[in-house]
Amino acid sequence: MAPLEFPQAWKAEDVRRDSSWIQRLTLEEARGFSQALSHAKQAGKPLLAMEQADFPLPPASRQALQRALDATQGRWGMVLVKGFPTDDWSESDMRIAYWGMSLYMGVGRTQNRASEVINDVRDTGGSYYVKGGRGYNTNVQLDFHQDYSDVVALLCRRTAKSGGTSKVVSSLALRHAMQEQRPDLMPALQGNSWFHSFQGAQDPTQPPYYRCPIFGTGTKISIARTNRKDTTAAQRDFPEVPRMSAQQTEALNILDELQPSNEFCYSMELERGDLQLLNNFVIWHSRTSFEDYDEPDQKRHLMRLWMSTPNSPELPPQFEEFFGDTRPGSVRGGVRGGFIKPDFLEYEQRQAAAMGMAFKPFRAVVSPEEMAKIIATS
């Protein structure tokens, strides 16, 4: 069922006053996920070979997922669903259950150089502000950003000893603020001269960076796309990339000040069994640093999915260079990495058909040779 309204701008106080963005599973709905998990474990299929029939959700549980997915395209652009029975699941159980849930929501996208479809969000000693650095394998505070898909989903298995607070901001509200406070910077933010690094996770046929505006234009919904760490990395790691203008730098600095402010930023604590879904085109998100427990199985652990969803919006034409397809409800996004195999290619085509989504095989919209010509004329 389509959402009743488009995403709207909100500020932190709006979210505090109205908890309609929080949904809670009933016992019947929660029980259905464990029942489907038992069936899937008996079938024993690899994740990419699974279909909905291998994870047979009862109608109530399916409806709970549909409500959550609809909410990502509605008023808040986000939802927190509480009550998944993760305490009853082992880590391997949760991976199967989470992937089974995704089969009812969309098409999973690969997320890193290793072309993985589920990322474990936990501290493994990674580094954030380095060439190729990512945030999901560190315990540091993250910049506000949007991920590389229609929707990002986080399912919480373990919480940190302290910290790890999730922070969300409405990009629609920040766009309005920029239009009011600094309309002179809007042309720069909407221009297509922003270069962003793939952080080494691109397909071998793609250049190591891509162009995409911060604020898109020409669509029903005001689409945004930002990850300053990747923008900075393109400037740092690739001397051929055109240098950012003074207006571009100033615009990002102002956004950096507005994003964490009490006016715009809402903080939430993800608890065990919570599922957070964010619309990556209207929500910017971050996370505070955290301190972990010493025991390995007590350490902070979430599982992350990037998904193309059938209810996703049309994207501006300039977003095609990264996302590959701007049609609403199409399979797009993700970072391909270097390990795409036939089982994934078969999965995404089969799953797209199951979800009734537009699909075209991947190809680089801009080749390295074409990017070199773009750079030469910039």
Protein backbone atom coordinates (compact mmCIF):
# COMPACT_ATOMS: atom_id res chain seq x y z
CA MET A 1 0.00 0.00 0.00
CA ALA A 2 1.40 3.40 -0.96
CA PRO A 3 2.10 5.92 1.82
CA LEU A 4 -0.55 8.52 2.43
CA GLU A 5 1.90 11.42 2.33
CA PHE A 6 5.34 12.38 1.12
CA PRO A 7 8.25 12.94 3.51
CA GLN A 8 8.06 16.32 5.20
CA ALA A 9 10.61 18.56 6.89
CA TRP A 10 10.88 18.12 10.65
CA LYS A 11 12.94 19.42 13.52
CA ALA A 12 14.06 17.63 16.67
CA GLU A 13 11.20 18.97 18.79
CA ASP A 14 8.65 17.64 16.29
CA VAL A 15 10.04 14.12 16.69
CA ARG A 16 10.06 14.39 20.48
CA ARG A 17 6.42 15.48 20.56
CA ASP A 18 5.05 12.89 18.14
CA SER A 19 6.08 9.25 18.48
CA SER A 20 4.13 8.03 15.44
CA TRP A 21 7.49 7.15 13.81
CA ILE A 22 7.84 4.31 16.37
CA GLN A 23 6.06 1.01 15.68
CA ARG A 24 5.87 -2.01 18.01
CA LEU A 25 5.45 -5.61 16.99
CA THR A 26 2.67 -7.59 18.59
CA LEU A 27 3.50 -11.00 20.05
CA GLU A 28 1.83 -12.61 17.05
CA GLU A 29 3.89 -10.55 14.60
CA ALA A 30 7.15 -11.24 16.45
CA ARG A 31 6.42 -14.95 16.71
CA GLY A 32 5.98 -15.12 12.94
CA PHE A 33 9.61 -14.16 12.33
CA SER A 34 10.87 -16.97 14.55
CA GLN A 35 8.53 -19.44 12.84
CA ALA A 36 9.85 -18.42 9.42
CA LEU A 37 13.42 -18.70 10.74
CA SER A 38 12.84 -22.30 11.84
CA HIS A 39 11.64 -23.16 8.33
CA ALA A 40 14.60 -21.40 6.68
CA LYS A 41 17.12 -23.22 8.89
CA GLN A 42 15.64 -26.57 7.93
CA ALA A 43 15.82 -25.65 4.24
CA GLY A 44 19.49 -24.70 4.67
CA LYS A 45 19.79 -22.60 1.51
CA PRO A 46 22.58 -20.03 1.03
CA LEU A 47 21.28 -16.49 1.58
CA LEU A 48 21.44 -15.48 -2.07
CA ALA A 49 19.49 -18.58 -3.10
CA MET A 50 16.63 -17.89 -0.68
CA GLU A 51 13.18 -16.83 -1.85
CA GLN A 52 10.11 -15.77 0.11
CA ALA A 53 8.89 -19.37 0.17
CA ASP A 54 12.05 -20.31 2.08
CA PHE A 55 11.17 -17.75 4.77
CA PRO A 56 7.37 -18.10 4.95
CA LEU A 57 6.10 -15.17 7.00
CA PRO A 58 2.53 -15.27 8.31
CA PRO A 59 0.28 -12.43 7.06
CA ALA A 60 0.55 -10.42 10.30
CA SER A 61 4.36 -10.38 10.16
CA ARG A 62 4.38 -9.49 6.48
CA GLN A 63 2.01 -6.60 7.19
CA ALA A 64 4.31 -5.36 9.96
CA LEU A 65 7.21 -5.15 7.50
CA GLN A 66 5.02 -3.42 4.91
CA ARG A 67 3.93 -0.80 7.47
CA ALA A 68 7.55 -0.11 8.29
CA LEU A 69 8.57 0.15 4.65
CA ASP A 70 5.67 2.49 3.88
CA ALA A 71 6.75 4.70 6.79
CA THR A 72 10.12 5.38 5.16
CA GLN A 73 8.32 7.17 2.33
CA GLY A 74 5.83 8.97 4.59
CA ARG A 75 5.83 11.92 7.01
CA TRP A 76 9.08 11.27 8.87
CA GLY A 77 11.14 9.42 6.26
CA MET A 78 12.12 6.95 8.98
CA VAL A 79 10.72 4.35 11.36
CA LEU A 80 11.85 2.46 14.45
CA VAL A 81 10.25 -0.97 14.82
CA LYS A 82 10.61 -2.50 18.29
CA GLY A 83 10.21 -6.07 19.44
CA PHE A 84 12.09 -8.39 17.10
CA PRO A 85 13.02 -11.55 19.09
CA THR A 86 16.77 -11.18 18.59
CA ASP A 87 17.56 -12.41 22.13
CA ASP A 88 16.19 -15.79 21.07
CA TRP A 89 18.45 -15.91 18.00
CA SER A 90 22.12 -16.76 17.68
CA GLU A 91 24.23 -14.50 15.47
CA SER A 92 23.87 -16.90 12.54
CA ASP A 93 20.12 -17.16 13.22
CA MET A 94 19.77 -13.40 13.07
CA ARG A 95 21.64 -13.22 9.77
CA ILE A 96 19.22 -15.72 8.21
CA ALA A 97 16.16 -14.03 9.72
CA TYR A 98 17.30 -10.56 8.68
CA TRP A 99 17.92 -11.65 5.10
CA GLY A 100 14.59 -13.45 5.08
CA MET A 101 12.89 -10.22 6.17
CA SER A 102 14.60 -8.33 3.34
CA LEU A 103 12.98 -10.65 0.80
CA TYR A 104 9.65 -8.95 1.64
CA MET A 105 11.00 -5.39 1.53
CA GLY A 106 13.16 -4.99 -1.56
CA VAL A 107 16.39 -5.96 -3.29
CA GLY A 108 19.55 -6.02 -1.18
CA ARG A 109 22.57 -4.10 -2.44
CA THR A 110 26.26 -4.87 -2.00
CA GLN A 111 27.98 -2.61 0.53
CA ASN A 112 31.78 -2.79 0.38
CA ARG A 113 34.89 -3.89 -1.52
CA ALA A 114 34.10 -7.50 -0.64
CA SER A 115 30.61 -7.13 -2.25
CA GLU A 116 28.84 -8.24 0.95
CA VAL A 117 25.05 -7.94 1.21
CA ILE A 118 24.90 -7.84 5.03
CA ASN A 119 27.43 -5.77 6.96
CA ASP A 120 28.20 -6.35 10.62
CA VAL A 121 28.28 -2.97 12.33
CA ARG A 122 30.79 -3.55 15.12
CA ASP A 123 34.23 -2.37 16.07
CA THR A 124 36.92 -4.54 14.49
CA GLY A 125 39.68 -1.95 14.82
CA GLY A 126 39.05 -0.19 11.51
CA SER A 127 39.98 3.43 10.80
CA TYR A 128 37.52 6.06 9.63
CA TYR A 129 39.43 9.11 8.35
CA VAL A 130 41.86 7.26 6.10
CA LYS A 131 41.92 6.38 2.41
CA GLY A 132 39.25 3.73 1.92
CA GLY A 133 38.04 4.12 5.52
CA ARG A 134 34.48 3.17 6.44
CA GLY A 135 32.57 3.78 9.67
CA TYR A 136 30.78 0.48 10.30
CA ASN A 137 33.91 -1.33 11.55
CA THR A 138 35.04 1.37 14.01
CA ASN A 139 33.86 2.74 17.37
CA VAL A 140 34.37 6.42 16.49
CA GLN A 141 31.84 9.17 16.01
CA LEU A 142 30.64 9.35 12.40
CA ASP A 143 29.96 12.34 10.19
CA PHE A 144 26.37 12.95 9.18
CA HIS A 145 25.83 11.15 5.90
CA GLN A 146 23.49 9.17 3.69
CA ASP A 147 24.19 5.62 2.57
CA TYR A 148 24.26 4.34 -0.99
CA SER A 149 20.73 2.95 -1.32
CA ASP A 150 17.03 3.84 -1.16
CA VAL A 151 16.75 2.60 2.43
CA VAL A 152 19.31 1.66 5.08
CA ALA A 153 18.15 -0.86 7.69
CA LEU A 154 19.85 -1.52 11.03
CA LEU A 155 18.79 -4.42 13.25
CA CYS A 156 20.23 -4.27 16.77
CA ARG A 157 21.60 -7.46 18.35
CA ARG A 158 23.85 -6.02 21.09
CA THR A 159 24.23 -2.52 22.53
CA ALA A 160 27.45 -0.85 23.66
CA LYS A 161 28.56 -0.46 27.25
CA SER A 162 28.10 3.27 26.66
CA GLY A 163 27.62 5.52 23.65
CA GLY A 164 26.72 4.52 20.13
CA THR A 165 23.70 6.84 20.08
CA SER A 166 21.95 7.12 16.71
CA LYS A 167 21.43 10.66 15.40
CA VAL A 168 19.09 11.65 12.59
CA VAL A 169 18.38 14.90 10.76
CA SER A 170 15.79 15.85 8.15
CA SER A 171 17.62 16.94 4.99
CA LEU A 172 14.38 18.65 3.95
CA ALA A 173 14.54 20.89 7.03
CA LEU A 174 18.20 21.71 6.39
CA ARG A 175 17.43 22.53 2.78
CA HIS A 176 14.76 24.97 3.93
CA ALA A 177 17.21 26.48 6.42
CA MET A 178 19.84 26.99 3.74
CA GLN A 179 17.30 28.56 1.40
CA GLU A 180 16.27 31.00 4.12
CA GLN A 181 19.68 31.79 5.56
CA ARG A 182 21.98 31.55 2.55
CA PRO A 183 20.06 31.49 -0.72
CA ASP A 184 23.27 32.59 -2.45
CA LEU A 185 24.77 29.14 -1.75
CA MET A 186 21.88 27.11 -3.17
CA PRO A 187 23.17 27.14 -6.78
CA ALA A 188 26.43 25.62 -5.57
CA LEU A 189 24.64 22.96 -3.52
CA GLN A 190 22.40 22.06 -6.49
CA GLY A 191 25.18 22.06 -9.08
CA ASN A 192 26.71 18.89 -10.51
CA SER A 193 30.34 19.81 -9.88
CA TRP A 194 30.65 17.84 -6.63
CA PHE A 195 33.06 14.90 -6.75
CA HIS A 196 32.84 12.08 -4.19
CA SER A 197 35.20 9.16 -3.64
CA PHE A 198 33.99 5.56 -3.84
CA GLN A 199 36.55 4.81 -1.09
CA GLY A 200 37.89 1.96 -3.22
CA ALA A 201 34.54 0.11 -3.30
CA GLN A 202 33.63 0.84 -6.93
CA ASP A 203 33.09 -1.72 -9.66
CA PRO A 204 36.27 -2.34 -11.70
CA THR A 205 34.59 -0.68 -14.70
CA GLN A 206 33.90 2.57 -12.80
CA PRO A 207 36.23 5.50 -12.05
CA PRO A 208 37.26 5.82 -8.38
CA TYR A 209 34.97 8.83 -7.86
CA TYR A 210 31.62 10.10 -9.11
CA ARG A 211 29.65 13.34 -9.37
CA CYS A 212 26.41 14.05 -7.54
CA PRO A 213 24.77 17.26 -6.25
CA ILE A 214 24.14 17.73 -2.53
CA PHE A 215 20.56 18.82 -3.24
CA GLY A 216 18.78 17.46 -6.30
CA THR A 217 16.22 19.39 -8.31
CA GLY A 218 13.28 18.65 -10.60
CA THR A 219 11.51 15.87 -8.68
CA LYS A 220 8.38 15.78 -6.52
CA ILE A 221 10.46 15.08 -3.42
CA SER A 222 13.50 17.23 -2.61
CA ILE A 223 16.22 14.58 -2.85
CA ALA A 224 19.54 15.04 -1.04
CA ARG A 225 22.86 13.21 -1.12
CA THR A 226 25.84 13.92 1.13
CA ASN A 227 28.79 12.25 2.79
CA ARG A 228 31.42 14.86 3.49
CA LYS A 229 34.07 12.26 4.30
CA ASP A 230 33.79 10.95 0.75
CA THR A 231 33.81 14.47 -0.69
CA THR A 232 36.94 15.31 1.31
CA ALA A 233 38.54 12.01 0.25
CA ALA A 234 38.05 12.86 -3.43
CA GLN A 235 39.92 16.14 -2.85
CA ARG A 236 42.65 14.45 -0.79
CA ASP A 237 43.29 11.29 -2.80
CA PHE A 238 42.85 12.40 -6.41
CA PRO A 239 44.84 15.48 -7.45
CA GLU A 240 43.15 15.55 -10.87
CA VAL A 241 39.72 16.19 -9.30
CA PRO A 242 38.77 19.89 -9.56
CA ARG A 243 39.27 21.75 -6.31
CA MET A 244 36.15 22.72 -4.40
CA SER A 245 35.11 26.36 -4.76
CA ALA A 246 34.95 28.73 -1.83
CA GLN A 247 31.16 28.59 -2.03
CA GLN A 248 31.12 24.79 -1.92
CA THR A 249 33.40 24.73 1.12
CA GLU A 250 31.35 27.38 2.90
CA ALA A 251 28.10 25.54 2.17
CA LEU A 252 29.43 22.27 3.64
CA ASN A 253 30.78 24.10 6.68
CA ILE A 254 27.36 25.62 7.36
CA LEU A 255 25.67 22.22 6.97
CA ASP A 256 28.24 20.76 9.38
CA GLU A 257 27.17 23.36 11.95
CA LEU A 258 23.43 22.88 11.44
CA GLN A 259 23.34 19.06 11.38
CA PRO A 260 24.31 18.35 15.02
CA SER A 261 22.46 21.37 16.44
CA ASN A 262 19.73 20.88 19.03
CA GLU A 263 17.27 22.47 16.63
CA PHE A 264 17.66 19.87 13.87
CA CYS A 265 19.28 16.75 15.33
CA TYR A 266 17.27 14.06 17.09
CA SER A 267 19.06 11.36 19.10
CA MET A 268 17.71 7.86 19.74
CA GLU A 269 19.07 4.82 21.53
CA LEU A 270 18.72 1.59 19.58
CA GLU A 271 17.88 -1.29 21.90
CA ARG A 272 18.09 -5.03 21.39
CA GLY A 273 15.44 -6.12 18.91
CA ASP A 274 15.04 -2.66 17.35
CA LEU A 275 14.92 -2.26 13.57
CA GLN A 276 15.67 1.23 12.26
CA LEU A 277 14.77 2.03 8.65
CA LEU A 278 15.88 5.34 7.10
CA ASN A 279 15.03 6.87 3.73
CA ASN A 280 18.49 7.82 2.48
CA PHE A 281 17.17 10.63 0.29
CA VAL A 282 15.57 12.68 3.10
CA ILE A 283 17.38 11.57 6.28
CA TRP A 284 21.00 12.24 7.20
CA HIS A 285 22.28 10.05 10.01
CA SER A 286 25.25 9.71 12.33
CA ARG A 287 26.36 7.85 15.44
CA THR A 288 28.31 8.87 18.53
CA SER A 289 31.49 7.09 19.57
CA PHE A 290 31.05 4.18 21.96
CA GLU A 291 32.79 2.08 24.61
CA ASP A 292 32.41 -1.67 24.27
CA TYR A 293 32.21 -4.56 26.70
CA ASP A 294 35.23 -6.83 27.02
CA GLU A 295 33.36 -10.08 26.33
CA PRO A 296 33.27 -10.70 22.55
CA ASP A 297 29.61 -11.74 22.38
CA GLN A 298 28.52 -8.73 24.45
CA LYS A 299 30.13 -6.15 22.17
CA ARG A 300 27.96 -3.70 20.27
CA HIS A 301 26.62 -5.44 17.17
CA LEU A 302 24.09 -4.38 14.58
CA MET A 303 23.48 -5.83 11.14
CA ARG A 304 23.04 -3.48 8.20
CA LEU A 305 21.15 -3.87 4.96
CA TRP A 306 21.12 -1.51 2.01
CA MET A 307 17.97 -2.00 -0.05
CA SER A 308 16.33 -0.85 -3.24
CA THR A 309 12.63 -0.69 -2.47
CA PRO A 310 9.54 -0.86 -4.70
CA ASN A 311 8.07 2.33 -3.21
CA SER A 312 11.18 4.47 -3.77
CA PRO A 313 10.90 7.89 -5.48
CA GLU A 314 12.10 9.15 -8.83
CA LEU A 315 15.62 10.59 -8.62
CA PRO A 316 17.01 13.68 -10.34
CA PRO A 317 18.86 12.97 -13.62
CA GLN A 318 22.20 13.96 -12.08
CA PHE A 319 21.90 11.08 -9.60
CA GLU A 320 22.13 8.49 -12.37
CA GLU A 321 25.93 8.58 -12.40
CA PHE A 322 26.04 6.98 -8.97
CA PHE A 323 22.71 5.17 -8.57
CA GLY A 324 22.56 3.79 -12.12
CA ASP A 325 18.78 4.15 -12.46
CA THR A 326 16.58 7.11 -11.58
CA ARG A 327 13.21 5.48 -12.22
CA PRO A 328 10.94 5.16 -9.16
CA GLY A 329 10.85 1.66 -7.72
CA SER A 330 13.91 0.52 -9.67
CA VAL A 331 16.85 -1.61 -8.54
CA ARG A 332 19.78 0.77 -8.00
CA GLY A 333 22.56 1.90 -5.74
CA GLY A 334 24.97 0.04 -3.53
CA VAL A 335 28.72 -0.12 -4.09
CA ARG A 336 29.64 -3.08 -6.26
CA GLY A 337 33.09 -3.88 -4.92
CA GLY A 338 35.29 -6.39 -6.67
CA PHE A 339 33.63 -9.70 -5.82
CA ILE A 340 30.25 -9.74 -7.57
CA LYS A 341 29.53 -13.37 -8.49
CA PRO A 342 26.86 -15.09 -10.58
CA ASP A 343 24.83 -16.00 -7.48
CA PHE A 344 24.32 -12.30 -6.69
CA LEU A 345 23.46 -11.44 -10.30
CA GLU A 346 20.88 -14.23 -10.33
CA TYR A 347 19.53 -13.13 -6.95
CA GLU A 348 18.99 -9.47 -7.83
CA GLN A 349 17.20 -10.28 -11.09
CA ARG A 350 15.01 -12.93 -9.42
CA GLN A 351 14.24 -10.73 -6.42
CA ALA A 352 13.43 -7.72 -8.61
CA ALA A 353 10.86 -9.82 -10.43
CA ALA A 354 9.41 -11.07 -7.14
CA MET A 355 9.00 -7.48 -5.90
CA GLY A 356 7.69 -6.15 -9.25
CA MET A 357 10.60 -3.71 -9.55
CA ALA A 358 12.17 -2.23 -12.67
CA PHE A 359 15.55 -3.84 -13.31
CA LYS A 360 18.39 -3.44 -15.75
CA PRO A 361 21.78 -5.15 -15.48
CA PHE A 362 24.58 -3.05 -14.05
CA ARG A 363 26.77 -0.97 -16.27
CA ALA A 364 28.99 1.97 -15.43
CA VAL A 365 27.12 5.14 -16.41
CA VAL A 366 30.46 6.95 -16.72
CA SER A 367 33.60 4.99 -17.63
CA PRO A 368 37.10 5.95 -16.42
CA GLU A 369 37.85 7.26 -19.93
CA GLU A 370 34.70 9.37 -19.98
CA MET A 371 35.47 10.71 -16.51
CA ALA A 372 38.93 11.73 -17.68
CA LYS A 373 37.31 13.81 -20.44
CA ILE A 374 34.90 15.37 -17.93
CA ILE A 375 37.83 16.29 -15.70
CA ALA A 376 39.77 17.75 -18.62
CA THR A 377 36.93 20.13 -19.48
CA SER A 378 36.00 21.10 -15.90
